[in-house]
C-alpha atoms as a PDB file:
ATOM      1  CA  UNK A   1      17.849 -11.210 -33.147  1.00  0.00           C
ATOM      2  CA  UNK A   2      19.760  -7.925 -33.156  1.00  0.00           C
ATOM      3  CA  UNK A   3      23.168  -7.959 -31.456  1.00  0.00           C
ATOM      4  CA  UNK A   4      22.920 -11.519 -30.155  1.00  0.00           C
ATOM      5  CA  UNK A   5      25.264 -12.183 -27.255  1.00  0.00           C
ATOM      6  CA  UNK A   6      25.455 -11.541 -23.535  1.00  0.00           C
ATOM      7  CA  UNK A   7      24.187  -7.950 -23.339  1.00  0.00           C
ATOM      8  CA  UNK A   8      21.016  -7.140 -21.409  1.00  0.00           C
ATOM      9  CA  UNK A   9      19.137  -6.480 -24.663  1.00  0.00           C
ATOM     10  CA  UNK A  10      20.170  -9.864 -26.090  1.00  0.00           C
ATOM     11  CA  UNK A  11      19.064 -12.002 -23.140  1.00  0.00           C
ATOM     12  CA  UNK A  12      15.699 -13.695 -22.661  1.00  0.00           C
ATOM     13  CA  UNK A  13      13.820 -13.487 -19.359  1.00  0.00           C
ATOM     14  CA  UNK A  14      11.239 -15.665 -17.615  1.00  0.00           C
ATOM     15  CA  UNK A  15       9.207 -12.485 -17.048  1.00  0.00           C
ATOM     16  CA  UNK A  16       9.846  -8.938 -18.321  1.00  0.00           C
ATOM     17  CA  UNK A  17      12.922  -7.703 -16.441  1.00  0.00           C
ATOM     18  CA  UNK A  18      12.355  -6.592 -12.831  1.00  0.00           C
ATOM     19  CA  UNK A  19       8.569  -7.131 -12.855  1.00  0.00           C
ATOM     20  CA  UNK A  20       8.639 -10.090 -10.465  1.00  0.00           C
ATOM     21  CA  UNK A  21      10.847 -10.581  -7.446  1.00  0.00           C
ATOM     22  CA  UNK A  22      13.513 -13.294  -7.827  1.00  0.00           C
ATOM     23  CA  UNK A  23      12.321 -14.248 -11.331  1.00  0.00           C
ATOM     24  CA  UNK A  24      15.130 -13.371 -13.697  1.00  0.00           C
ATOM     25  CA  UNK A  25      16.930 -14.372 -16.857  1.00  0.00           C
ATOM     26  CA  UNK A  26      16.170 -17.483 -18.861  1.00  0.00           C
ATOM     27  CA  UNK A  27      19.103 -17.317 -21.296  1.00  0.00           C
ATOM     28  CA  UNK A  28      22.180 -15.212 -20.589  1.00  0.00           C
ATOM     29  CA  UNK A  29      23.970 -15.804 -23.905  1.00  0.00           C
ATOM     30  CA  UNK A  30      22.147 -15.906 -27.252  1.00  0.00           C
ATOM     31  CA  UNK A  31      25.256 -15.940 -29.452  1.00  0.00           C
ATOM     32  CA  UNK A  32      24.514 -19.410 -30.810  1.00  0.00           C
ATOM     33  CA  UNK A  33      20.936 -18.492 -31.695  1.00  0.00           C
ATOM     34  CA  UNK A  34      21.480 -15.276 -33.655  1.00  0.00           C
ATOM     35  CA  UNK A  35      20.224 -16.855 -36.910  1.00  0.00           C
ATOM     36  CA  UNK A  36      17.216 -18.613 -35.372  1.00  0.00           C
ATOM     37  CA  UNK A  37      13.689 -17.491 -36.247  1.00  0.00           C
ATOM     38  CA  UNK A  38      11.544 -16.462 -33.281  1.00  0.00           C
ATOM     39  CA  UNK A  39       7.763 -16.397 -33.155  1.00  0.00           C
ATOM     40  CA  UNK A  40       6.153 -13.684 -31.032  1.00  0.00           C
ATOM     41  CA  UNK A  41       3.211 -14.958 -28.967  1.00  0.00           C
ATOM     42  CA  UNK A  42       2.696 -12.301 -26.284  1.00  0.00           C
ATOM     43  CA  UNK A  43       3.284  -8.596 -25.773  1.00  0.00           C
ATOM     44  CA  UNK A  44       3.663  -6.922 -22.360  1.00  0.00           C
ATOM     45  CA  UNK A  45       4.359  -3.259 -21.620  1.00  0.00           C
ATOM     46  CA  UNK A  46       6.200  -2.304 -18.424  1.00  0.00           C
ATOM     47  CA  UNK A  47       4.290   0.527 -16.748  1.00  0.00           C
ATOM     48  CA  UNK A  48       7.168   2.426 -15.179  1.00  0.00           C
ATOM     49  CA  UNK A  49       9.714   2.112 -17.981  1.00  0.00           C
ATOM     50  CA  UNK A  50       7.179   2.290 -20.808  1.00  0.00           C
ATOM     51  CA  UNK A  51       9.019  -0.293 -22.935  1.00  0.00           C
ATOM     52  CA  UNK A  52       7.486  -3.351 -24.589  1.00  0.00           C
ATOM     53  CA  UNK A  53       8.616  -6.948 -24.111  1.00  0.00           C
ATOM     54  CA  UNK A  54       7.732  -9.830 -26.412  1.00  0.00           C
ATOM     55  CA  UNK A  55       7.502 -13.471 -25.437  1.00  0.00           C
ATOM     56  CA  UNK A  56       9.293 -15.423 -28.182  1.00  0.00           C
ATOM     57  CA  UNK A  57       9.287 -19.104 -29.092  1.00  0.00           C
ATOM     58  CA  UNK A  58      12.270 -20.702 -30.836  1.00  0.00           C
ATOM     59  CA  UNK A  59      11.132 -23.891 -32.578  1.00  0.00           C
ATOM     60  CA  UNK A  60      14.715 -25.092 -33.059  1.00  0.00           C
ATOM     61  CA  UNK A  61      15.922 -24.336 -29.523  1.00  0.00           C
ATOM     62  CA  UNK A  62      12.955 -24.113 -27.082  1.00  0.00           C
ATOM     63  CA  UNK A  63      15.316 -23.554 -24.137  1.00  0.00           C
ATOM     64  CA  UNK A  64      15.755 -19.973 -25.379  1.00  0.00           C
ATOM     65  CA  UNK A  65      12.029 -19.186 -25.117  1.00  0.00           C
ATOM     66  CA  UNK A  66      11.255 -16.155 -22.962  1.00  0.00           C
ATOM     67  CA  UNK A  67      10.646 -12.417 -22.870  1.00  0.00           C
ATOM     68  CA  UNK A  68      12.948 -10.075 -24.758  1.00  0.00           C
ATOM     69  CA  UNK A  69      12.925  -6.343 -25.446  1.00  0.00           C
ATOM     70  CA  UNK A  70      10.942  -5.593 -28.600  1.00  0.00           C
ATOM     71  CA  UNK A  71      13.851  -3.522 -29.950  1.00  0.00           C
ATOM     72  CA  UNK A  72      16.080  -6.606 -29.799  1.00  0.00           C
ATOM     73  CA  UNK A  73      14.223  -8.313 -32.647  1.00  0.00           C
ATOM     74  CA  UNK A  74      14.306  -7.757 -36.390  1.00  0.00           C
ATOM     75  CA  UNK A  75      12.099  -9.026 -39.187  1.00  0.00           C
ATOM     76  CA  UNK A  76      13.088 -12.438 -40.473  1.00  0.00           C
ATOM     77  CA  UNK A  77      14.675 -12.393 -43.926  1.00  0.00           C
ATOM     78  CA  UNK A  78      12.186 -13.297 -46.622  1.00  0.00           C
ATOM     79  CA  UNK A  79       9.224 -12.948 -44.307  1.00  0.00           C
ATOM     80  CA  UNK A  80       6.152 -11.366 -45.850  1.00  0.00           C
ATOM     81  CA  UNK A  81       5.180  -9.894 -42.508  1.00  0.00           C
ATOM     82  CA  UNK A  82       7.066  -8.881 -39.431  1.00  0.00           C
ATOM     83  CA  UNK A  83       7.635 -11.712 -36.965  1.00  0.00           C
ATOM     84  CA  UNK A  84       8.784  -9.286 -34.307  1.00  0.00           C
ATOM     85  CA  UNK A  85       5.860  -6.884 -34.172  1.00  0.00           C
ATOM     86  CA  UNK A  86       2.364  -8.320 -33.792  1.00  0.00           C
ATOM     87  CA  UNK A  87      -0.409  -6.149 -35.264  1.00  0.00           C
ATOM     88  CA  UNK A  88      -2.507  -6.605 -32.120  1.00  0.00           C
ATOM     89  CA  UNK A  89      -1.555  -7.682 -28.594  1.00  0.00           C
ATOM     90  CA  UNK A  90      -1.806 -11.442 -28.191  1.00  0.00           C
ATOM     91  CA  UNK A  91      -4.514 -12.494 -25.751  1.00  0.00           C
ATOM     92  CA  UNK A  92      -3.151 -14.374 -22.763  1.00  0.00           C
ATOM     93  CA  UNK A  93      -4.311 -17.979 -22.782  1.00  0.00           C
ATOM     94  CA  UNK A  94      -5.229 -19.526 -19.442  1.00  0.00           C
ATOM     95  CA  UNK A  95      -7.977 -20.119 -16.898  1.00  0.00           C
ATOM     96  CA  UNK A  96      -6.795 -17.906 -14.035  1.00  0.00           C
ATOM     97  CA  UNK A  97      -9.665 -15.479 -13.337  1.00  0.00           C
ATOM     98  CA  UNK A  98      -8.749 -12.103 -11.884  1.00  0.00           C
ATOM     99  CA  UNK A  99     -11.063 -11.090  -9.027  1.00  0.00           C
ATOM    100  CA  UNK A 100     -11.819  -8.070  -6.862  1.00  0.00           C
ATOM    101  CA  UNK A 101     -11.340  -8.160  -3.080  1.00  0.00           C
ATOM    102  CA  UNK A 102     -14.679  -7.769  -1.271  1.00  0.00           C
ATOM    103  CA  UNK A 103     -12.947  -5.272   1.007  1.00  0.00           C
ATOM    104  CA  UNK A 104     -12.001  -1.924  -0.503  1.00  0.00           C
ATOM    105  CA  UNK A 105     -10.068   1.048   0.866  1.00  0.00           C
ATOM    106  CA  UNK A 106     -11.663   4.401   1.590  1.00  0.00           C
ATOM    107  CA  UNK A 107      -9.017   7.079   1.183  1.00  0.00           C
ATOM    108  CA  UNK A 108      -8.837  10.498   2.771  1.00  0.00           C
ATOM    109  CA  UNK A 109      -6.248  12.992   3.924  1.00  0.00           C
ATOM    110  CA  UNK A 110      -5.424  14.047   7.461  1.00  0.00           C
ATOM    111  CA  UNK A 111      -5.608  17.806   7.988  1.00  0.00           C
ATOM    112  CA  UNK A 112      -3.130  17.407  10.838  1.00  0.00           C
ATOM    113  CA  UNK A 113      -0.407  15.429   9.100  1.00  0.00           C
ATOM    114  CA  UNK A 114      -1.262  16.128   5.480  1.00  0.00           C
ATOM    115  CA  UNK A 115      -0.849  12.406   4.744  1.00  0.00           C
ATOM    116  CA  UNK A 116      -3.205   9.861   3.250  1.00  0.00           C
ATOM    117  CA  UNK A 117      -5.494   7.991   5.605  1.00  0.00           C
ATOM    118  CA  UNK A 118      -6.987   4.644   4.621  1.00  0.00           C
ATOM    119  CA  UNK A 119      -9.942   2.854   6.164  1.00  0.00           C
ATOM    120  CA  UNK A 120     -11.071  -0.616   5.078  1.00  0.00           C
ATOM    121  CA  UNK A 121     -14.758  -1.217   4.437  1.00  0.00           C
ATOM    122  CA  UNK A 122     -16.944  -4.163   3.506  1.00  0.00           C
ATOM    123  CA  UNK A 123     -20.384  -2.595   3.919  1.00  0.00           C
ATOM    124  CA  UNK A 124     -21.845  -5.736   5.470  1.00  0.00           C
ATOM    125  CA  UNK A 125     -23.947  -4.100   8.184  1.00  0.00           C
ATOM    126  CA  UNK A 126     -26.942  -6.448   8.765  1.00  0.00           C
ATOM    127  CA  UNK A 127     -30.194  -5.401   7.028  1.00  0.00           C
ATOM    128  CA  UNK A 128     -28.436  -2.595   5.150  1.00  0.00           C
ATOM    129  CA  UNK A 129     -28.046  -3.247   1.431  1.00  0.00           C
ATOM    130  CA  UNK A 130     -25.564  -0.415   0.961  1.00  0.00           C
ATOM    131  CA  UNK A 131     -23.315  -2.638  -1.113  1.00  0.00           C
ATOM    132  CA  UNK A 132     -25.795  -3.779  -3.777  1.00  0.00           C
ATOM    133  CA  UNK A 133     -23.995  -1.796  -6.494  1.00  0.00           C
ATOM    134  CA  UNK A 134     -20.598  -2.934  -5.230  1.00  0.00           C
ATOM    135  CA  UNK A 135     -21.658  -6.603  -5.150  1.00  0.00           C
ATOM    136  CA  UNK A 136     -23.084  -6.375  -8.664  1.00  0.00           C
ATOM    137  CA  UNK A 137     -19.815  -4.906  -9.949  1.00  0.00           C
ATOM    138  CA  UNK A 138     -17.752  -7.598  -8.191  1.00  0.00           C
ATOM    139  CA  UNK A 139     -19.956 -10.410  -9.505  1.00  0.00           C
ATOM    140  CA  UNK A 140     -19.654  -9.110 -13.083  1.00  0.00           C
ATOM    141  CA  UNK A 141     -15.891  -8.549 -12.908  1.00  0.00           C
ATOM    142  CA  UNK A 142     -15.267 -11.983 -11.429  1.00  0.00           C
ATOM    143  CA  UNK A 143     -16.835 -13.541 -14.552  1.00  0.00           C
ATOM    144  CA  UNK A 144     -15.223 -11.177 -17.065  1.00  0.00           C
ATOM    145  CA  UNK A 145     -13.223 -13.239 -19.581  1.00  0.00           C
ATOM    146  CA  UNK A 146     -11.116 -10.224 -20.596  1.00  0.00           C
ATOM    147  CA  UNK A 147      -9.261 -10.538 -17.269  1.00  0.00           C
ATOM    148  CA  UNK A 148      -8.853 -14.302 -17.454  1.00  0.00           C
ATOM    149  CA  UNK A 149      -5.522 -15.647 -18.646  1.00  0.00           C
ATOM    150  CA  UNK A 150      -2.220 -17.241 -17.727  1.00  0.00           C
ATOM    151  CA  UNK A 151      -1.231 -16.483 -14.136  1.00  0.00           C
ATOM    152  CA  UNK A 152       2.341 -15.834 -15.288  1.00  0.00           C
ATOM    153  CA  UNK A 153       1.254 -12.983 -17.575  1.00  0.00           C
ATOM    154  CA  UNK A 154       0.889  -9.338 -16.543  1.00  0.00           C
ATOM    155  CA  UNK A 155      -2.526  -7.848 -17.349  1.00  0.00           C
ATOM    156  CA  UNK A 156      -2.082  -4.919 -19.771  1.00  0.00           C
ATOM    157  CA  UNK A 157      -2.965  -1.680 -17.988  1.00  0.00           C
ATOM    158  CA  UNK A 158      -5.546  -0.660 -20.594  1.00  0.00           C
ATOM    159  CA  UNK A 159      -7.225  -4.075 -20.387  1.00  0.00           C
ATOM    160  CA  UNK A 160      -7.562  -3.829 -16.599  1.00  0.00           C
ATOM    161  CA  UNK A 161      -8.831  -0.235 -16.629  1.00  0.00           C
ATOM    162  CA  UNK A 162     -11.393  -1.064 -19.313  1.00  0.00           C
ATOM    163  CA  UNK A 163     -12.665  -4.066 -17.348  1.00  0.00           C
ATOM    164  CA  UNK A 164     -13.015  -1.988 -14.183  1.00  0.00           C
ATOM    165  CA  UNK A 165     -14.949   0.698 -16.036  1.00  0.00           C
ATOM    166  CA  UNK A 166     -17.201  -1.698 -17.937  1.00  0.00           C
ATOM    167  CA  UNK A 167     -18.143  -3.574 -14.763  1.00  0.00           C
ATOM    168  CA  UNK A 168     -19.083  -0.452 -12.816  1.00  0.00           C
ATOM    169  CA  UNK A 169     -16.114   0.306 -10.564  1.00  0.00           C
ATOM    170  CA  UNK A 170     -15.236   3.862 -11.643  1.00  0.00           C
ATOM    171  CA  UNK A 171     -18.106   5.318  -9.612  1.00  0.00           C
ATOM    172  CA  UNK A 172     -19.950   3.263  -7.014  1.00  0.00           C
ATOM    173  CA  UNK A 173     -23.026   4.495  -5.120  1.00  0.00           C
ATOM    174  CA  UNK A 174     -23.405   3.059  -1.615  1.00  0.00           C
ATOM    175  CA  UNK A 175     -26.707   3.223   0.272  1.00  0.00           C
ATOM    176  CA  UNK A 176     -26.584   4.791   3.744  1.00  0.00           C
ATOM    177  CA  UNK A 177     -30.247   4.348   4.670  1.00  0.00           C
ATOM    178  CA  UNK A 178     -31.605   1.070   6.106  1.00  0.00           C
ATOM    179  CA  UNK A 179     -33.905  -1.378   4.364  1.00  0.00           C
ATOM    180  CA  UNK A 180     -36.486  -3.731   5.827  1.00  0.00           C
ATOM    181  CA  UNK A 181     -35.719  -6.318   3.171  1.00  0.00           C
ATOM    182  CA  UNK A 182     -33.301  -9.116   4.053  1.00  0.00           C
ATOM    183  CA  UNK A 183     -29.854  -8.471   2.588  1.00  0.00           C
ATOM    184  CA  UNK A 184     -28.888 -11.030  -0.026  1.00  0.00           C
ATOM    185  CA  UNK A 185     -25.678  -9.698  -1.473  1.00  0.00           C
ATOM    186  CA  UNK A 186     -26.236  -9.057  -5.159  1.00  0.00           C
ATOM    187  CA  UNK A 187     -29.514 -11.027  -5.071  1.00  0.00           C
ATOM    188  CA  UNK A 188     -32.850 -10.010  -6.565  1.00  0.00           C
ATOM    189  CA  UNK A 189     -34.253  -8.641  -3.281  1.00  0.00           C
ATOM    190  CA  UNK A 190     -31.195  -6.462  -2.925  1.00  0.00           C
ATOM    191  CA  UNK A 191     -31.747  -5.097  -6.428  1.00  0.00           C
ATOM    192  CA  UNK A 192     -35.489  -4.559  -5.985  1.00  0.00           C
ATOM    193  CA  UNK A 193     -34.718  -2.158  -3.167  1.00  0.00           C
ATOM    194  CA  UNK A 194     -32.054  -0.281  -5.121  1.00  0.00           C
ATOM    195  CA  UNK A 195     -34.436   2.478  -6.269  1.00  0.00           C
ATOM    196  CA  UNK A 196     -35.124   3.729  -2.760  1.00  0.00           C
ATOM    197  CA  UNK A 197     -33.008   5.393  -0.121  1.00  0.00           C
ATOM    198  CA  UNK A 198     -30.056   7.775   0.014  1.00  0.00           C
ATOM    199  CA  UNK A 199     -26.624   7.044  -1.402  1.00  0.00           C
ATOM    200  CA  UNK A 200     -23.038   8.262  -1.123  1.00  0.00           C
ATOM    201  CA  UNK A 201     -20.826   8.399  -4.181  1.00  0.00           C
ATOM    202  CA  UNK A 202     -17.403   6.719  -4.178  1.00  0.00           C
ATOM    203  CA  UNK A 203     -14.872   7.561  -6.913  1.00  0.00           C
ATOM    204  CA  UNK A 204     -12.175   5.067  -7.881  1.00  0.00           C
ATOM    205  CA  UNK A 205      -8.650   6.284  -7.127  1.00  0.00           C
ATOM    206  CA  UNK A 206      -6.825   5.236 -10.288  1.00  0.00           C
ATOM    207  CA  UNK A 207      -3.541   5.295  -8.354  1.00  0.00           C
ATOM    208  CA  UNK A 208      -4.876   2.367  -6.319  1.00  0.00           C
ATOM    209  CA  UNK A 209      -5.052   0.120  -9.389  1.00  0.00           C
ATOM    210  CA  UNK A 210      -2.165  -2.328  -8.929  1.00  0.00           C
ATOM    211  CA  UNK A 211       0.666  -2.066 -11.427  1.00  0.00           C
ATOM    212  CA  UNK A 212       1.973  -5.284 -12.938  1.00  0.00           C
ATOM    213  CA  UNK A 213      -1.085  -7.222 -11.743  1.00  0.00           C
ATOM    214  CA  UNK A 214      -1.143 -10.794 -13.017  1.00  0.00           C
ATOM    215  CA  UNK A 215      -4.093 -12.782 -14.278  1.00  0.00           C
ATOM    216  CA  UNK A 216      -5.640 -14.633 -11.350  1.00  0.00           C
ATOM    217  CA  UNK A 217      -4.685 -12.010  -8.741  1.00  0.00           C
ATOM    218  CA  UNK A 218      -7.218 -10.694  -6.223  1.00  0.00           C
ATOM    219  CA  UNK A 219      -7.118  -6.911  -6.463  1.00  0.00           C
ATOM    220  CA  UNK A 220      -8.015  -4.431  -3.728  1.00  0.00           C
ATOM    221  CA  UNK A 221      -9.248  -1.046  -4.929  1.00  0.00           C
ATOM    222  CA  UNK A 222      -9.219   2.347  -3.225  1.00  0.00           C
ATOM    223  CA  UNK A 223     -11.892   5.045  -3.294  1.00  0.00           C
ATOM    224  CA  UNK A 224     -12.319   8.675  -2.386  1.00  0.00           C
ATOM    225  CA  UNK A 225     -15.719   9.940  -1.267  1.00  0.00           C
ATOM    226  CA  UNK A 226     -17.707  12.721  -2.909  1.00  0.00           C
ATOM    227  CA  UNK A 227     -18.433  14.805   0.174  1.00  0.00           C
ATOM    228  CA  UNK A 228     -20.317  17.535  -1.700  1.00  0.00           C
ATOM    229  CA  UNK A 229     -23.662  15.751  -1.998  1.00  0.00           C
ATOM    230  CA  UNK A 230     -25.865  12.813  -1.162  1.00  0.00           C
ATOM    231  CA  UNK A 231     -27.746  11.049  -3.957  1.00  0.00           C
ATOM    232  CA  UNK A 232     -31.071   9.394  -4.705  1.00  0.00           C
ATOM    233  CA  UNK A 233     -31.774   7.075  -7.592  1.00  0.00           C
ATOM    234  CA  UNK A 234     -33.651   8.760 -10.439  1.00  0.00           C
ATOM    235  CA  UNK A 235     -37.092   7.194 -10.737  1.00  0.00           C
ATOM    236  CA  UNK A 236     -37.254   6.373  -7.067  1.00  0.00           C
ATOM    237  CA  UNK A 237     -38.977   9.629  -6.156  1.00  0.00           C
ATOM    238  CA  UNK A 238     -41.878  11.581  -7.684  1.00  0.00           C
ATOM    239  CA  UNK A 239     -40.528  14.856  -6.276  1.00  0.00           C
ATOM    240  CA  UNK A 240     -37.497  15.033  -8.566  1.00  0.00           C
ATOM    241  CA  UNK A 241     -37.340  15.405 -12.331  1.00  0.00           C
ATOM    242  CA  UNK A 242     -35.272  12.703 -13.996  1.00  0.00           C
ATOM    243  CA  UNK A 243     -33.773  15.393 -16.229  1.00  0.00           C
ATOM    244  CA  UNK A 244     -31.698  16.496 -13.223  1.00  0.00           C
ATOM    245  CA  UNK A 245     -30.072  13.086 -12.952  1.00  0.00           C
ATOM    246  CA  UNK A 246     -26.368  12.703 -13.688  1.00  0.00           C
ATOM    247  CA  UNK A 247     -24.855  10.324 -16.233  1.00  0.00           C
ATOM    248  CA  UNK A 248     -25.016   7.519 -13.647  1.00  0.00           C
ATOM    249  CA  UNK A 249     -28.765   7.955 -13.153  1.00  0.00           C
ATOM    250  CA  UNK A 250     -28.571   9.588  -9.711  1.00  0.00           C
ATOM    251  CA  UNK A 251     -29.845  12.945  -8.471  1.00  0.00           C
ATOM    252  CA  UNK A 252     -27.473  14.916  -6.251  1.00  0.00           C
ATOM    253  CA  UNK A 253     -28.585  16.760  -3.130  1.00  0.00           C
ATOM    254  CA  UNK A 254     -26.025  19.369  -2.066  1.00  0.00           C
ATOM    255  CA  UNK A 255     -25.414  19.256   1.683  1.00  0.00           C
ATOM    256  CA  UNK A 256     -23.089  20.534   4.357  1.00  0.00           C
ATOM    257  CA  UNK A 257     -19.914  18.548   3.733  1.00  0.00           C
ATOM    258  CA  UNK A 258     -19.274  17.790   7.375  1.00  0.00           C
ATOM    259  CA  UNK A 259     -22.412  15.660   7.401  1.00  0.00           C
ATOM    260  CA  UNK A 260     -20.852  13.240   4.928  1.00  0.00           C
ATOM    261  CA  UNK A 261     -17.654  13.083   6.977  1.00  0.00           C
ATOM    262  CA  UNK A 262     -19.730  12.334  10.076  1.00  0.00           C
ATOM    263  CA  UNK A 263     -21.579   9.540   8.281  1.00  0.00           C
ATOM    264  CA  UNK A 264     -18.250   8.065   7.216  1.00  0.00           C
ATOM    265  CA  UNK A 265     -16.985   8.112  10.787  1.00  0.00           C
ATOM    266  CA  UNK A 266     -20.194   6.437  12.014  1.00  0.00           C
ATOM    267  CA  UNK A 267     -20.629   3.682   9.481  1.00  0.00           C
ATOM    268  CA  UNK A 268     -17.247   3.064   7.875  1.00  0.00           C
ATOM    269  CA  UNK A 269     -14.376   3.992  10.141  1.00  0.00           C
ATOM    270  CA  UNK A 270     -16.136   3.008  13.381  1.00  0.00           C
ATOM    271  CA  UNK A 271     -14.473  -0.290  14.425  1.00  0.00           C
ATOM    272  CA  UNK A 272     -17.558  -1.402  16.348  1.00  0.00           C
ATOM    273  CA  UNK A 273     -19.765  -1.695  13.240  1.00  0.00           C
END
């Protein structure tokens, strides 16, 4: 360890410094361990500060084990490879599955105050399968092993963003027309009916992705609404050419934007639905 002693850089922490409330230092003085060899088992990057912290194990003195700034370590003498810098981030080991809250936030801005407005939505209106795409994304994410790990570990930002994208959360299309089929959230009947009807497009607000989320947390996401168009699923109509479909497989129908805002007020913000 470089500059072993009582300085901030020389101390080990139970979690990377200031990432969890009331969880602080593990060892305040490493003077007696300056010649020990540490093994790096985890790597965590703090989002705001941008620095990297390594979780180190000391076989001789396990009480020292904890997170330390990556710059506080040096390669062990005689080592053929660096013990302080892993070539790839170590995968967190554990069984805590990160999940997505069934309720998400719809975000907009007040023209009067200029501030952000947030409405909560679950899209559980009876006999409306508007949330088939949302339910499918949630079901996939909640089984995704890339966001399963030790509940004490912070999920790397890139890992979380990749999981959200791969499971279909970056853009979600919600149906706004009714269906006569019984709603079975994420079930086969719900999916059979997914080719018909009219949809609204919701875009993930990346600022809503929690920072320093831990494995096993339940995360609530926030979305903004594309108020420039309504959408139909390509293949669900013989009147539209599939070549006009976007990358998500939907065909946009440009409309008067106030219509979308009115639909939002009726079916999302309305407290009686």
